[in-house]
Amino acid sequence: MLIAGERRLRACKIAGVQKVKCIVKEFENPLEIALIENIQRKDLNPFEKALAFKRLMDEFGYTQEQLSKRLGISRSKVANTLRILNLGKKIIDLIIEGKISEGHAKVLLSIVDEDQREKLAQLVVEKNMSVRELESIIKSNDEKKEFEVESEVIREIEENLMKLFGLKVRIQKKRNRGKIEIEFSSDEELEKIISILMP
């Protein structure tokens, strides 16, 4: 059984080489060795690699830790590669076609919403975006969401303070600094503010 070197053997046959050097060994699980050899080929796409990892774990009982040691890679690399199988058919097709790299796939996995993930994947293809550009877009979107949530919280606090004082209240905040303005138009209103703040 030929475990490794199929393309080299084929090339030798085409070149008319009659004899080739080879290593003959006995293996308990030749399929396992063949899979590991196949994984270490450089031209496997990330999806094919993820399938091979899963097959080794399913058929030969490897844990992620054991597989990482067997292949000489980090456990996180094994985990991230396996997660590619959860990306959905549309994105996996783009990976198989070579339109999305393993780096892109890793970044897309940080997006929980499947529709948004697919839109970003399509944007990567259309704009020929680098991994860094994709990370930048996701980061700016996250910051925008955080800003929107924070603004909503501040508005709610302003409303509560206006109810407390019965006056217009404005909160200005930038990062970890800011100020609270309570607007009054008479001495009586000022006294009311002081009485609430210093009962």
C-alpha atoms as a PDB file:
ATOM      1  CA  MET A   1       0.000   0.000   0.000  1.00  0.00           C
ATOM      2  CA  LEU A   2       1.311   3.379  -1.008  1.00  0.00           C
ATOM      3  CA  ILE A   3       0.921   5.684   2.007  1.00  0.00           C
ATOM      4  CA  ALA A   4       2.861   8.759   0.892  1.00  0.00           C
ATOM      5  CA  GLY A   5       4.520   9.939  -2.314  1.00  0.00           C
ATOM      6  CA  GLU A   6       1.775   9.230  -4.847  1.00  0.00           C
ATOM      7  CA  ARG A   7       2.520  12.328  -6.937  1.00  0.00           C
ATOM      8  CA  ARG A   8       6.265  11.657  -6.845  1.00  0.00           C
ATOM      9  CA  LEU A   9       5.669   8.086  -8.000  1.00  0.00           C
ATOM     10  CA  ARG A  10       3.396   9.307 -10.784  1.00  0.00           C
ATOM     11  CA  ALA A  11       6.030  11.831 -11.896  1.00  0.00           C
ATOM     12  CA  CYS A  12       8.675   9.073 -11.981  1.00  0.00           C
ATOM     13  CA  LYS A  13       6.419   6.909 -14.183  1.00  0.00           C
ATOM     14  CA  ILE A  14       5.851   9.815 -16.594  1.00  0.00           C
ATOM     15  CA  ALA A  15       9.617  10.434 -16.671  1.00  0.00           C
ATOM     16  CA  GLY A  16      10.216   6.757 -17.478  1.00  0.00           C
ATOM     17  CA  VAL A  17      12.125   5.993 -14.266  1.00  0.00           C
ATOM     18  CA  GLN A  18      12.173   2.203 -13.795  1.00  0.00           C
ATOM     19  CA  LYS A  19      13.214   2.063 -10.124  1.00  0.00           C
ATOM     20  CA  VAL A  20      12.565   4.440  -7.235  1.00  0.00           C
ATOM     21  CA  LYS A  21      13.869   4.531  -3.686  1.00  0.00           C
ATOM     22  CA  CYS A  22      11.221   3.819  -1.089  1.00  0.00           C
ATOM     23  CA  ILE A  23      10.817   3.064   2.603  1.00  0.00           C
ATOM     24  CA  VAL A  24       8.952  -0.124   3.497  1.00  0.00           C
ATOM     25  CA  LYS A  25       7.312  -0.229   6.921  1.00  0.00           C
ATOM     26  CA  GLU A  26       4.589  -2.159   8.708  1.00  0.00           C
ATOM     27  CA  PHE A  27       1.816  -0.061  10.252  1.00  0.00           C
ATOM     28  CA  GLU A  28      -1.051  -1.063  12.496  1.00  0.00           C
ATOM     29  CA  ASN A  29      -3.262   1.642  10.971  1.00  0.00           C
ATOM     30  CA  PRO A  30      -1.968   2.562   7.496  1.00  0.00           C
ATOM     31  CA  LEU A  31      -5.033   4.723   6.825  1.00  0.00           C
ATOM     32  CA  GLU A  32      -4.190   6.844   9.868  1.00  0.00           C
ATOM     33  CA  ILE A  33      -0.630   7.399   8.597  1.00  0.00           C
ATOM     34  CA  ALA A  34      -1.938   8.202   5.107  1.00  0.00           C
ATOM     35  CA  LEU A  35      -4.326  10.806   6.543  1.00  0.00           C
ATOM     36  CA  ILE A  36      -1.555  12.435   8.589  1.00  0.00           C
ATOM     37  CA  GLU A  37       0.726  12.519   5.538  1.00  0.00           C
ATOM     38  CA  ASN A  38      -2.102  14.030   3.511  1.00  0.00           C
ATOM     39  CA  ILE A  39      -2.715  16.759   6.117  1.00  0.00           C
ATOM     40  CA  GLN A  40       0.909  17.845   5.897  1.00  0.00           C
ATOM     41  CA  ARG A  41       0.620  18.571   2.179  1.00  0.00           C
ATOM     42  CA  LYS A  42       0.846  22.313   1.566  1.00  0.00           C
ATOM     43  CA  ASP A  43      -1.877  22.470  -1.098  1.00  0.00           C
ATOM     44  CA  LEU A  44      -4.788  21.343   1.094  1.00  0.00           C
ATOM     45  CA  ASN A  45      -7.417  24.044   1.513  1.00  0.00           C
ATOM     46  CA  PRO A  46      -8.547  24.870   5.101  1.00  0.00           C
ATOM     47  CA  PHE A  47     -11.827  22.965   4.669  1.00  0.00           C
ATOM     48  CA  GLU A  48     -10.068  19.761   3.512  1.00  0.00           C
ATOM     49  CA  LYS A  49      -7.696  20.094   6.460  1.00  0.00           C
ATOM     50  CA  ALA A  50     -10.618  20.503   8.884  1.00  0.00           C
ATOM     51  CA  LEU A  51     -12.311  17.385   7.457  1.00  0.00           C
ATOM     52  CA  ALA A  52      -9.093  15.390   7.846  1.00  0.00           C
ATOM     53  CA  PHE A  53      -8.735  16.546  11.478  1.00  0.00           C
ATOM     54  CA  LYS A  54     -12.322  15.506  12.199  1.00  0.00           C
ATOM     55  CA  ARG A  55     -11.831  12.125  10.542  1.00  0.00           C
ATOM     56  CA  LEU A  56      -8.714  11.413  12.611  1.00  0.00           C
ATOM     57  CA  MET A  57     -10.611  12.301  15.781  1.00  0.00           C
ATOM     58  CA  ASP A  58     -13.742  10.327  14.841  1.00  0.00           C
ATOM     59  CA  GLU A  59     -12.073   7.192  13.453  1.00  0.00           C
ATOM     60  CA  PHE A  60      -8.925   6.971  15.573  1.00  0.00           C
ATOM     61  CA  GLY A  61     -10.087   8.559  18.833  1.00  0.00           C
ATOM     62  CA  TYR A  62      -7.675  11.484  18.920  1.00  0.00           C
ATOM     63  CA  THR A  63      -8.411  14.349  21.280  1.00  0.00           C
ATOM     64  CA  GLN A  64      -7.525  17.864  20.122  1.00  0.00           C
ATOM     65  CA  GLU A  65      -4.505  17.798  22.455  1.00  0.00           C
ATOM     66  CA  GLN A  66      -3.278  14.433  21.122  1.00  0.00           C
ATOM     67  CA  LEU A  67      -3.804  15.494  17.522  1.00  0.00           C
ATOM     68  CA  SER A  68      -1.866  18.727  18.045  1.00  0.00           C
ATOM     69  CA  LYS A  69       1.102  16.756  19.418  1.00  0.00           C
ATOM     70  CA  ARG A  70       0.885  14.175  16.597  1.00  0.00           C
ATOM     71  CA  LEU A  71       0.943  16.892  13.938  1.00  0.00           C
ATOM     72  CA  GLY A  72       3.381  19.183  15.726  1.00  0.00           C
ATOM     73  CA  ILE A  73       1.006  22.163  15.844  1.00  0.00           C
ATOM     74  CA  SER A  74      -0.701  24.059  18.669  1.00  0.00           C
ATOM     75  CA  ARG A  75      -3.994  22.897  20.171  1.00  0.00           C
ATOM     76  CA  SER A  76      -5.562  26.273  19.312  1.00  0.00           C
ATOM     77  CA  LYS A  77      -4.602  25.716  15.668  1.00  0.00           C
ATOM     78  CA  VAL A  78      -6.420  22.364  15.726  1.00  0.00           C
ATOM     79  CA  ALA A  79      -9.481  23.935  17.407  1.00  0.00           C
ATOM     80  CA  ASN A  80      -9.637  26.878  14.986  1.00  0.00           C
ATOM     81  CA  THR A  81      -9.273  24.591  11.967  1.00  0.00           C
ATOM     82  CA  LEU A  82     -12.119  22.354  13.175  1.00  0.00           C
ATOM     83  CA  ARG A  83     -14.350  25.399  13.697  1.00  0.00           C
ATOM     84  CA  ILE A  84     -14.208  26.067   9.948  1.00  0.00           C
ATOM     85  CA  LEU A  85     -16.715  23.206   9.560  1.00  0.00           C
ATOM     86  CA  ASN A  86     -19.286  25.439  11.331  1.00  0.00           C
ATOM     87  CA  LEU A  87     -19.034  28.328   8.860  1.00  0.00           C
ATOM     88  CA  GLY A  88     -21.929  27.259   6.636  1.00  0.00           C
ATOM     89  CA  LYS A  89     -22.036  26.002   3.045  1.00  0.00           C
ATOM     90  CA  LYS A  90     -21.755  29.375   1.272  1.00  0.00           C
ATOM     91  CA  ILE A  91     -18.560  30.374   3.064  1.00  0.00           C
ATOM     92  CA  ILE A  92     -17.118  26.850   2.866  1.00  0.00           C
ATOM     93  CA  ASP A  93     -17.669  26.936  -0.919  1.00  0.00           C
ATOM     94  CA  LEU A  94     -15.698  30.202  -1.074  1.00  0.00           C
ATOM     95  CA  ILE A  95     -12.885  28.551   0.922  1.00  0.00           C
ATOM     96  CA  ILE A  96     -12.827  25.538  -1.430  1.00  0.00           C
ATOM     97  CA  GLU A  97     -12.713  27.897  -4.426  1.00  0.00           C
ATOM     98  CA  GLY A  98      -9.728  29.659  -2.850  1.00  0.00           C
ATOM     99  CA  LYS A  99     -11.553  32.991  -2.601  1.00  0.00           C
ATOM    100  CA  ILE A 100     -11.301  33.090   1.197  1.00  0.00           C
ATOM    101  CA  SER A 101      -8.166  32.154   3.130  1.00  0.00           C
ATOM    102  CA  GLU A 102      -7.806  30.365   6.439  1.00  0.00           C
ATOM    103  CA  GLY A 103      -7.007  33.746   8.018  1.00  0.00           C
ATOM    104  CA  HIS A 104     -10.276  35.216   6.706  1.00  0.00           C
ATOM    105  CA  ALA A 105     -12.166  32.152   7.979  1.00  0.00           C
ATOM    106  CA  LYS A 106     -10.687  32.558  11.458  1.00  0.00           C
ATOM    107  CA  VAL A 107     -11.808  36.211  11.612  1.00  0.00           C
ATOM    108  CA  LEU A 108     -15.300  35.391  10.259  1.00  0.00           C
ATOM    109  CA  LEU A 109     -15.744  32.824  13.038  1.00  0.00           C
ATOM    110  CA  SER A 110     -15.866  35.724  15.518  1.00  0.00           C
ATOM    111  CA  ILE A 111     -19.188  36.827  13.958  1.00  0.00           C
ATOM    112  CA  VAL A 112     -22.131  35.088  15.639  1.00  0.00           C
ATOM    113  CA  ASP A 113     -24.862  36.183  13.222  1.00  0.00           C
ATOM    114  CA  GLU A 114     -24.808  33.856  10.191  1.00  0.00           C
ATOM    115  CA  ASP A 115     -26.325  36.379   7.729  1.00  0.00           C
ATOM    116  CA  GLN A 116     -23.843  39.065   8.719  1.00  0.00           C
ATOM    117  CA  ARG A 117     -21.003  36.554   8.435  1.00  0.00           C
ATOM    118  CA  GLU A 118     -22.023  35.616   4.884  1.00  0.00           C
ATOM    119  CA  LYS A 119     -22.330  39.290   3.878  1.00  0.00           C
ATOM    120  CA  LEU A 120     -18.824  39.986   5.182  1.00  0.00           C
ATOM    121  CA  ALA A 121     -17.472  36.922   3.357  1.00  0.00           C
ATOM    122  CA  GLN A 122     -19.020  38.165   0.115  1.00  0.00           C
ATOM    123  CA  LEU A 123     -17.523  41.600   0.750  1.00  0.00           C
ATOM    124  CA  VAL A 124     -14.079  40.013   1.168  1.00  0.00           C
ATOM    125  CA  VAL A 125     -14.444  38.407  -2.262  1.00  0.00           C
ATOM    126  CA  GLU A 126     -15.879  41.480  -4.006  1.00  0.00           C
ATOM    127  CA  LYS A 127     -13.317  43.928  -2.584  1.00  0.00           C
ATOM    128  CA  ASN A 128     -10.418  41.424  -2.535  1.00  0.00           C
ATOM    129  CA  MET A 129      -9.918  42.396   1.106  1.00  0.00           C
ATOM    130  CA  SER A 130      -6.954  41.373   3.210  1.00  0.00           C
ATOM    131  CA  VAL A 131      -7.401  39.707   6.607  1.00  0.00           C
ATOM    132  CA  ARG A 132      -6.338  42.951   8.300  1.00  0.00           C
ATOM    133  CA  GLU A 133      -8.953  44.966   6.388  1.00  0.00           C
ATOM    134  CA  LEU A 134     -11.639  42.478   7.418  1.00  0.00           C
ATOM    135  CA  GLU A 135     -10.554  42.732  11.068  1.00  0.00           C
ATOM    136  CA  SER A 136     -10.715  46.531  10.824  1.00  0.00           C
ATOM    137  CA  ILE A 137     -14.310  46.477   9.494  1.00  0.00           C
ATOM    138  CA  ILE A 138     -15.455  44.094  12.248  1.00  0.00           C
ATOM    139  CA  LYS A 139     -13.720  46.173  14.930  1.00  0.00           C
ATOM    140  CA  SER A 140     -15.305  49.438  13.714  1.00  0.00           C
ATOM    141  CA  ASN A 141     -18.748  47.770  13.682  1.00  0.00           C
ATOM    142  CA  ASP A 142     -18.213  46.489  17.241  1.00  0.00           C
ATOM    143  CA  GLU A 143     -17.168  49.954  18.421  1.00  0.00           C
ATOM    144  CA  LYS A 144     -20.251  51.464  16.773  1.00  0.00           C
ATOM    145  CA  LYS A 145     -22.498  48.948  18.570  1.00  0.00           C
ATOM    146  CA  GLU A 146     -20.783  49.699  21.902  1.00  0.00           C
ATOM    147  CA  PHE A 147     -21.291  53.434  21.301  1.00  0.00           C
ATOM    148  CA  GLU A 148     -24.989  52.915  20.515  1.00  0.00           C
ATOM    149  CA  VAL A 149     -25.515  50.839  23.674  1.00  0.00           C
ATOM    150  CA  GLU A 150     -23.662  53.386  25.809  1.00  0.00           C
ATOM    151  CA  SER A 151     -25.673  56.273  24.307  1.00  0.00           C
ATOM    152  CA  GLU A 152     -28.915  54.466  25.139  1.00  0.00           C
ATOM    153  CA  VAL A 153     -27.792  53.976  28.758  1.00  0.00           C
ATOM    154  CA  ILE A 154     -26.834  57.660  29.081  1.00  0.00           C
ATOM    155  CA  ARG A 155     -30.210  58.758  27.678  1.00  0.00           C
ATOM    156  CA  GLU A 156     -31.964  56.588  30.253  1.00  0.00           C
ATOM    157  CA  ILE A 157     -29.890  58.098  33.092  1.00  0.00           C
ATOM    158  CA  GLU A 158     -30.688  61.616  31.837  1.00  0.00           C
ATOM    159  CA  GLU A 159     -34.417  60.830  31.869  1.00  0.00           C
ATOM    160  CA  ASN A 160     -34.226  59.450  35.429  1.00  0.00           C
ATOM    161  CA  LEU A 161     -32.347  62.530  36.646  1.00  0.00           C
ATOM    162  CA  MET A 162     -34.845  64.864  34.946  1.00  0.00           C
ATOM    163  CA  LYS A 163     -37.651  63.069  36.790  1.00  0.00           C
ATOM    164  CA  LEU A 164     -35.736  63.406  40.061  1.00  0.00           C
ATOM    165  CA  PHE A 165     -34.979  67.138  39.742  1.00  0.00           C
ATOM    166  CA  GLY A 166     -37.912  68.154  37.553  1.00  0.00           C
ATOM    167  CA  LEU A 167     -35.366  70.087  35.469  1.00  0.00           C
ATOM    168  CA  LYS A 168     -33.435  69.635  32.238  1.00  0.00           C
ATOM    169  CA  VAL A 169     -30.361  67.410  32.730  1.00  0.00           C
ATOM    170  CA  ARG A 170     -27.587  66.804  30.206  1.00  0.00           C
ATOM    171  CA  ILE A 171     -24.746  64.263  30.448  1.00  0.00           C
ATOM    172  CA  GLN A 172     -21.593  64.693  28.367  1.00  0.00           C
ATOM    173  CA  LYS A 173     -19.225  61.735  28.304  1.00  0.00           C
ATOM    174  CA  LYS A 174     -16.027  61.006  26.412  1.00  0.00           C
ATOM    175  CA  ARG A 175     -14.309  57.722  27.230  1.00  0.00           C
ATOM    176  CA  ASN A 176     -13.950  57.680  31.046  1.00  0.00           C
ATOM    177  CA  ARG A 177     -14.468  61.428  31.594  1.00  0.00           C
ATOM    178  CA  GLY A 178     -17.440  63.787  31.381  1.00  0.00           C
ATOM    179  CA  LYS A 179     -19.822  66.100  33.194  1.00  0.00           C
ATOM    180  CA  ILE A 180     -23.471  66.363  34.271  1.00  0.00           C
ATOM    181  CA  GLU A 181     -25.281  69.666  33.655  1.00  0.00           C
ATOM    182  CA  ILE A 182     -28.505  70.523  35.543  1.00  0.00           C
ATOM    183  CA  GLU A 183     -30.214  73.573  34.084  1.00  0.00           C
ATOM    184  CA  PHE A 184     -32.110  75.958  36.401  1.00  0.00           C
ATOM    185  CA  SER A 185     -33.705  79.367  35.804  1.00  0.00           C
ATOM    186  CA  SER A 186     -34.402  80.679  39.314  1.00  0.00           C
ATOM    187  CA  ASP A 187     -33.075  80.692  42.873  1.00  0.00           C
ATOM    188  CA  GLU A 188     -35.935  78.407  43.889  1.00  0.00           C
ATOM    189  CA  GLU A 189     -34.888  75.798  41.333  1.00  0.00           C
ATOM    190  CA  LEU A 190     -31.261  76.063  42.523  1.00  0.00           C
ATOM    191  CA  GLU A 191     -32.399  75.555  46.114  1.00  0.00           C
ATOM    192  CA  LYS A 192     -34.401  72.506  45.012  1.00  0.00           C
ATOM    193  CA  ILE A 193     -31.261  70.995  43.401  1.00  0.00           C
ATOM    194  CA  ILE A 194     -29.215  71.644  46.555  1.00  0.00           C
ATOM    195  CA  SER A 195     -31.877  70.165  48.810  1.00  0.00           C
ATOM    196  CA  ILE A 196     -31.938  66.951  46.744  1.00  0.00           C
ATOM    197  CA  LEU A 197     -28.129  66.690  46.586  1.00  0.00           C
ATOM    198  CA  MET A 198     -27.623  67.667  50.229  1.00  0.00           C
ATOM    199  CA  PRO A 199     -30.727  66.510  52.152  1.00  0.00           C
END
